[in-house]
Amino acid sequence: MRAYTPAAPARLPAPAALLRLLAPASVLVLLALAVVAPGLLTGVDPLAADPLNALAPPDGAHWFGSDHLGRDVLARVVYGARHSISIGVASTTLAVTSGVLLGLAAGLSPKWLDEALARSFDVLSTLPELLLALLIVAITGPGTGNVIFAIAVAQIPNYARVIRAQTFVVRRSGYVEQALTFGRSRLAITAGHVLPNVLGPIPVLATIGLGQAVIASSGLSFLGMGPQPPAAEWGAMLSEARNYLRVAWWEALFPGVAITLTVVCLTVAGRRLQRRFEGRTP
């Protein structure tokens, strides 16, 4: 008989690994709170101007300093999260929904229609997302709604191509063929078997895509295409601050840090989701 060997105890995450998980999670929680209830993080009106304290450096009264109109930069960064992240979430949601539907349509359609859709995805994918979004906004005009639509259109190929490839795999699986044998309709098979089994990579792609959407929305707002002044939005804040970099570095620094932290934390979360999806040890 073979000697009994007790199982090795589960390894607890090292402090460094735990810190790598908690730090991005804490930032994302703060960002979510800033979007849902910014008043809990600051009681200052982001639109209240105080010309006598314009371009004041960071101090006890203004932790992030004040901008060229005397508005509190901290309050504008906090309230700016609502615009920047909401645009990113809305455009990502629209892109995911459209990409899933188009990817399913391509994967389940006759060959000629599949080829037409696939070539459309390839053409759109050759253009940088920000450039394509800028082109669409140039045609449709500035505004929050048009920015959301433009970013969504630019991101649709990322999701549609993955869903199309997943659909090809699932439609040839044994359980789908068995369902066809039992006489189930194609609509029922698509809704009950194909769709649930092709959505696995979407949370990973959407998490990373959200960070890209935040960058795109900030870039378009920097160019004056997004929410219009005096609305607090990170890209618009950077645009206003570029003329005061020599005398008030803080006016541009903190919105830039907010964008960077948001994208980095979303990317870290997306990579972790990817490792779990692929069955790798975090």
Protein backbone atom coordinates (compact mmCIF):
# COMPACT_ATOMS: atom_id res chain seq x y z
CA MET A 1 0.00 0.00 0.00
CA ARG A 2 1.10 3.50 -0.75
CA ALA A 3 1.76 5.72 2.24
CA TYR A 4 -0.76 8.47 2.83
CA THR A 5 0.61 11.87 2.01
CA PRO A 6 -1.37 14.79 3.39
CA ALA A 7 -2.29 17.49 0.91
CA ALA A 8 -0.19 20.59 1.01
CA PRO A 9 -1.96 23.50 2.68
CA ALA A 10 -3.27 26.24 0.43
CA ARG A 11 -0.74 28.98 -0.04
CA LEU A 12 -1.81 32.37 1.12
CA PRO A 13 -1.02 35.26 -1.18
CA ALA A 14 2.19 37.04 -0.33
CA PRO A 15 1.90 40.60 1.02
CA ALA A 16 3.25 42.03 -2.23
CA ALA A 17 0.72 40.05 -4.30
CA LEU A 18 -2.08 41.07 -1.94
CA LEU A 19 -1.06 44.71 -2.27
CA ARG A 20 -1.14 44.41 -6.07
CA LEU A 21 -4.74 43.26 -5.80
CA LEU A 22 -5.96 45.67 -3.14
CA ALA A 23 -4.43 48.84 -4.57
CA PRO A 24 -6.23 48.72 -7.97
CA ALA A 25 -9.44 47.53 -6.30
CA SER A 26 -9.35 50.47 -3.87
CA VAL A 27 -8.84 52.94 -6.71
CA LEU A 28 -11.71 51.45 -8.70
CA VAL A 29 -13.99 51.64 -5.66
CA LEU A 30 -13.11 55.32 -5.20
CA LEU A 31 -13.77 55.96 -8.89
CA ALA A 32 -17.14 54.23 -8.68
CA LEU A 33 -18.01 56.34 -5.64
CA ALA A 34 -16.96 59.49 -7.51
CA VAL A 35 -19.31 58.57 -10.35
CA VAL A 36 -22.28 57.61 -8.18
CA ALA A 37 -21.95 60.03 -5.26
CA PRO A 38 -19.18 62.62 -5.76
CA GLY A 39 -20.59 64.72 -2.93
CA LEU A 40 -19.32 62.13 -0.46
CA LEU A 41 -15.72 62.78 -1.54
CA THR A 42 -15.85 66.58 -1.68
CA GLY A 43 -18.29 69.21 -0.58
CA VAL A 44 -16.96 71.90 -2.92
CA ASP A 45 -18.90 73.01 -5.99
CA PRO A 46 -16.70 72.20 -9.04
CA LEU A 47 -18.18 75.15 -10.97
CA ALA A 48 -17.72 77.77 -8.22
CA ALA A 49 -15.17 80.32 -9.44
CA ASP A 50 -13.05 82.46 -7.14
CA PRO A 51 -10.92 84.82 -9.29
CA LEU A 52 -9.10 86.17 -6.24
CA ASN A 53 -7.62 82.69 -5.62
CA ALA A 54 -6.93 81.79 -9.23
CA LEU A 55 -3.93 79.49 -9.82
CA ALA A 56 -3.42 78.97 -6.09
CA PRO A 57 -0.96 76.12 -5.41
CA PRO A 58 -2.01 73.06 -3.39
CA ASP A 59 -2.56 73.92 0.27
CA GLY A 60 -4.93 73.21 3.14
CA ALA A 61 -7.81 75.05 1.47
CA HIS A 62 -7.32 73.51 -1.98
CA TRP A 63 -5.58 70.14 -1.74
CA PHE A 64 -5.04 69.99 -5.51
CA GLY A 65 -4.77 73.76 -5.94
CA SER A 66 -7.10 75.95 -7.99
CA ASP A 67 -7.35 76.51 -11.72
CA HIS A 68 -7.16 79.70 -13.78
CA LEU A 69 -10.69 80.69 -12.72
CA GLY A 70 -10.17 79.89 -9.07
CA ARG A 71 -12.16 76.63 -9.19
CA ASP A 72 -11.08 73.83 -6.86
CA VAL A 73 -9.12 71.26 -8.89
CA LEU A 74 -9.88 68.41 -6.47
CA ALA A 75 -13.61 68.98 -6.81
CA ARG A 76 -13.32 69.12 -10.59
CA VAL A 77 -11.29 65.90 -10.71
CA VAL A 78 -13.85 64.12 -8.52
CA TYR A 79 -16.86 65.37 -10.48
CA GLY A 80 -14.98 64.89 -13.75
CA ALA A 81 -14.98 61.14 -13.12
CA ARG A 82 -18.75 61.14 -13.68
CA HIS A 83 -18.35 62.45 -17.24
CA SER A 84 -15.20 60.57 -18.25
CA ILE A 85 -16.10 57.17 -16.81
CA SER A 86 -19.80 57.40 -17.72
CA ILE A 87 -18.88 58.05 -21.35
CA GLY A 88 -16.50 55.09 -21.23
CA VAL A 89 -19.10 52.77 -19.68
CA ALA A 90 -21.85 53.83 -22.08
CA SER A 91 -19.68 53.48 -25.18
CA THR A 92 -18.28 50.13 -24.02
CA THR A 93 -21.77 48.80 -23.31
CA LEU A 94 -22.96 49.87 -26.76
CA ALA A 95 -19.87 48.39 -28.40
CA VAL A 96 -20.22 45.07 -26.54
CA THR A 97 -23.91 44.75 -27.39
CA SER A 98 -23.40 45.60 -31.06
CA GLY A 99 -20.25 43.49 -31.32
CA VAL A 100 -21.93 40.42 -29.85
CA LEU A 101 -24.92 40.71 -32.18
CA LEU A 102 -22.77 41.31 -35.28
CA GLY A 103 -20.33 38.55 -34.33
CA LEU A 104 -23.18 36.09 -33.87
CA ALA A 105 -24.72 37.16 -37.15
CA ALA A 106 -21.42 36.63 -38.95
CA GLY A 107 -20.75 33.26 -37.35
CA LEU A 108 -24.23 31.89 -38.05
CA SER A 109 -24.85 33.44 -41.46
CA PRO A 110 -24.26 32.01 -44.95
CA LYS A 111 -20.70 32.26 -46.20
CA TRP A 112 -21.25 35.32 -48.42
CA LEU A 113 -22.73 37.38 -45.58
CA ASP A 114 -20.09 36.17 -43.15
CA GLU A 115 -17.35 37.22 -45.57
CA ALA A 116 -18.91 40.67 -46.01
CA LEU A 117 -19.17 41.25 -42.26
CA ALA A 118 -15.69 39.85 -41.59
CA ARG A 119 -14.12 42.14 -44.19
CA SER A 120 -15.97 45.10 -42.63
CA PHE A 121 -14.52 44.23 -39.22
CA ASP A 122 -11.04 43.97 -40.75
CA VAL A 123 -11.31 47.36 -42.45
CA LEU A 124 -12.46 49.09 -39.27
CA SER A 125 -9.72 47.36 -37.27
CA THR A 126 -7.00 48.79 -39.50
CA LEU A 127 -7.78 52.31 -38.27
CA PRO A 128 -6.64 53.47 -34.81
CA GLU A 129 -9.66 53.68 -32.54
CA LEU A 130 -9.12 57.31 -31.57
CA LEU A 131 -8.63 58.36 -35.20
CA LEU A 132 -11.79 56.54 -36.29
CA ALA A 133 -13.77 58.04 -33.40
CA LEU A 134 -12.44 61.50 -34.27
CA LEU A 135 -13.53 61.02 -37.89
CA ILE A 136 -17.03 60.02 -36.81
CA VAL A 137 -17.35 62.96 -34.41
CA ALA A 138 -16.13 65.30 -37.15
CA ILE A 139 -19.07 64.10 -39.25
CA THR A 140 -21.74 63.94 -36.54
CA GLY A 141 -20.62 66.99 -34.57
CA PRO A 142 -19.43 67.47 -30.96
CA GLY A 143 -21.44 66.44 -27.93
CA THR A 144 -21.56 63.69 -25.34
CA GLY A 145 -23.97 61.48 -27.28
CA ASN A 146 -21.93 61.67 -30.47
CA VAL A 147 -18.71 60.90 -28.57
CA ILE A 148 -20.31 57.79 -27.05
CA PHE A 149 -21.50 56.65 -30.48
CA ALA A 150 -18.13 57.32 -32.11
CA ILE A 151 -16.12 55.43 -29.49
CA ALA A 152 -18.57 52.52 -29.61
CA VAL A 153 -18.31 52.21 -33.40
CA ALA A 154 -14.51 52.27 -33.16
CA GLN A 155 -14.53 49.44 -30.60
CA ILE A 156 -17.17 47.17 -32.18
CA PRO A 157 -14.66 45.15 -34.28
CA ASN A 158 -12.72 44.14 -31.13
CA TYR A 159 -15.75 42.27 -29.80
CA ALA A 160 -17.34 41.17 -33.07
CA ARG A 161 -14.23 39.34 -34.29
CA VAL A 162 -13.86 37.41 -31.04
CA ILE A 163 -17.54 36.45 -30.93
CA ARG A 164 -17.44 35.37 -34.58
CA ALA A 165 -14.48 33.07 -33.90
CA GLN A 166 -16.12 31.66 -30.78
CA THR A 167 -19.36 31.06 -32.69
CA PHE A 168 -17.56 28.95 -35.30
CA VAL A 169 -16.25 26.72 -32.50
CA VAL A 170 -19.52 26.41 -30.60
CA ARG A 171 -21.76 25.78 -33.61
CA ARG A 172 -19.71 22.66 -34.44
CA SER A 173 -19.83 21.28 -30.89
CA GLY A 174 -21.57 18.05 -29.98
CA TYR A 175 -24.30 19.58 -27.82
CA VAL A 176 -25.38 21.94 -30.61
CA GLU A 177 -25.52 19.08 -33.12
CA GLN A 178 -27.52 17.03 -30.60
CA ALA A 179 -29.98 19.89 -30.12
CA LEU A 180 -30.43 20.07 -33.90
CA THR A 181 -31.06 16.32 -33.96
CA PHE A 182 -33.78 16.72 -31.33
CA GLY A 183 -35.51 19.24 -33.60
CA ARG A 184 -34.97 22.42 -31.60
CA SER A 185 -35.31 25.63 -33.57
CA ARG A 186 -32.23 27.61 -34.57
CA LEU A 187 -33.41 30.57 -32.51
CA ALA A 188 -33.73 28.40 -29.40
CA ILE A 189 -30.31 26.83 -30.01
CA THR A 190 -28.72 30.24 -30.51
CA ALA A 191 -30.27 31.67 -27.34
CA GLY A 192 -29.83 28.59 -25.17
CA HIS A 193 -26.58 27.04 -26.37
CA VAL A 194 -24.54 29.30 -28.65
CA LEU A 195 -24.87 32.71 -26.98
CA PRO A 196 -24.07 31.63 -23.38
CA ASN A 197 -20.99 29.73 -24.56
CA VAL A 198 -19.46 32.48 -26.68
CA LEU A 199 -19.59 35.21 -24.03
CA GLY A 200 -16.69 33.89 -21.94
CA PRO A 201 -13.98 36.32 -23.18
CA ILE A 202 -16.28 39.36 -23.13
CA PRO A 203 -15.77 40.42 -19.46
CA VAL A 204 -12.01 40.43 -20.01
CA LEU A 205 -12.24 42.40 -23.25
CA ALA A 206 -14.81 44.82 -21.84
CA THR A 207 -12.74 45.60 -18.74
CA ILE A 208 -9.66 46.43 -20.81
CA GLY A 209 -11.82 48.14 -23.45
CA LEU A 210 -13.31 50.39 -20.78
CA GLY A 211 -9.86 51.80 -20.07
CA GLN A 212 -9.32 52.42 -23.78
CA ALA A 213 -12.72 54.12 -23.96
CA VAL A 214 -11.79 56.43 -21.09
CA ILE A 215 -8.61 57.43 -22.94
CA ALA A 216 -10.58 58.00 -26.14
CA SER A 217 -13.24 60.09 -24.40
CA SER A 218 -10.59 62.21 -22.68
CA GLY A 219 -8.74 62.65 -25.97
CA LEU A 220 -11.87 63.78 -27.80
CA SER A 221 -12.78 66.11 -24.93
CA PHE A 222 -9.26 67.52 -25.03
CA LEU A 223 -9.97 68.46 -28.66
CA GLY A 224 -13.26 70.11 -27.66
CA MET A 225 -15.53 67.36 -29.00
CA GLY A 226 -16.94 66.07 -25.70
CA PRO A 227 -18.81 67.76 -22.82
CA GLN A 228 -18.57 71.48 -23.23
CA PRO A 229 -17.30 73.99 -20.63
CA PRO A 230 -17.87 74.67 -17.82
CA ALA A 231 -18.55 70.94 -17.29
CA ALA A 232 -15.80 69.16 -15.36
CA GLU A 233 -14.27 66.43 -17.55
CA TRP A 234 -10.71 65.16 -17.35
CA GLY A 235 -9.81 65.69 -21.01
CA ALA A 236 -11.40 69.15 -21.07
CA MET A 237 -9.52 70.04 -17.88
CA LEU A 238 -6.23 69.10 -19.53
CA SER A 239 -7.15 71.23 -22.53
CA GLU A 240 -7.84 74.25 -20.33
CA ALA A 241 -4.67 73.71 -18.29
CA ARG A 242 -2.23 73.48 -21.19
CA ASN A 243 -1.85 77.28 -21.33
CA TYR A 244 -0.82 77.46 -17.67
CA LEU A 245 1.73 74.64 -17.43
CA ARG A 246 4.62 77.02 -16.65
CA VAL A 247 2.86 78.73 -13.74
CA ALA A 248 0.34 76.14 -12.49
CA TRP A 249 1.54 72.58 -13.10
CA TRP A 250 -1.07 71.20 -10.69
CA GLU A 251 -3.95 72.19 -12.95
CA ALA A 252 -2.85 69.60 -15.54
CA LEU A 253 -1.12 67.09 -13.27
CA PHE A 254 -4.09 65.81 -11.29
CA PRO A 255 -6.52 65.21 -14.17
CA GLY A 256 -3.69 63.43 -15.98
CA VAL A 257 -2.99 61.27 -12.93
CA ALA A 258 -6.70 60.45 -12.68
CA ILE A 259 -6.79 59.24 -16.29
CA THR A 260 -3.60 57.23 -15.86
CA LEU A 261 -4.71 55.55 -12.63
CA THR A 262 -8.09 54.68 -14.12
CA VAL A 263 -6.60 53.03 -17.19
CA VAL A 264 -3.86 51.21 -15.26
CA CYS A 265 -6.28 49.82 -12.66
CA LEU A 266 -8.77 48.70 -15.30
CA THR A 267 -5.97 47.02 -17.25
CA VAL A 268 -4.75 45.22 -14.13
CA ALA A 269 -8.30 44.04 -13.39
CA GLY A 270 -8.71 42.89 -16.98
CA ARG A 271 -5.44 40.95 -16.95
CA ARG A 272 -6.43 39.23 -13.72
CA LEU A 273 -9.79 38.26 -15.22
CA GLN A 274 -7.92 36.92 -18.23
CA ARG A 275 -5.70 34.73 -16.06
CA ARG A 276 -8.73 33.32 -14.27
CA PHE A 277 -10.53 32.73 -17.57
CA GLU A 278 -7.52 30.85 -18.93
CA GLY A 279 -7.21 28.81 -15.73
CA ARG A 280 -3.80 30.17 -14.81
CA THR A 281 -2.72 30.79 -11.22
CA PRO A 282 -2.98 34.53 -10.39
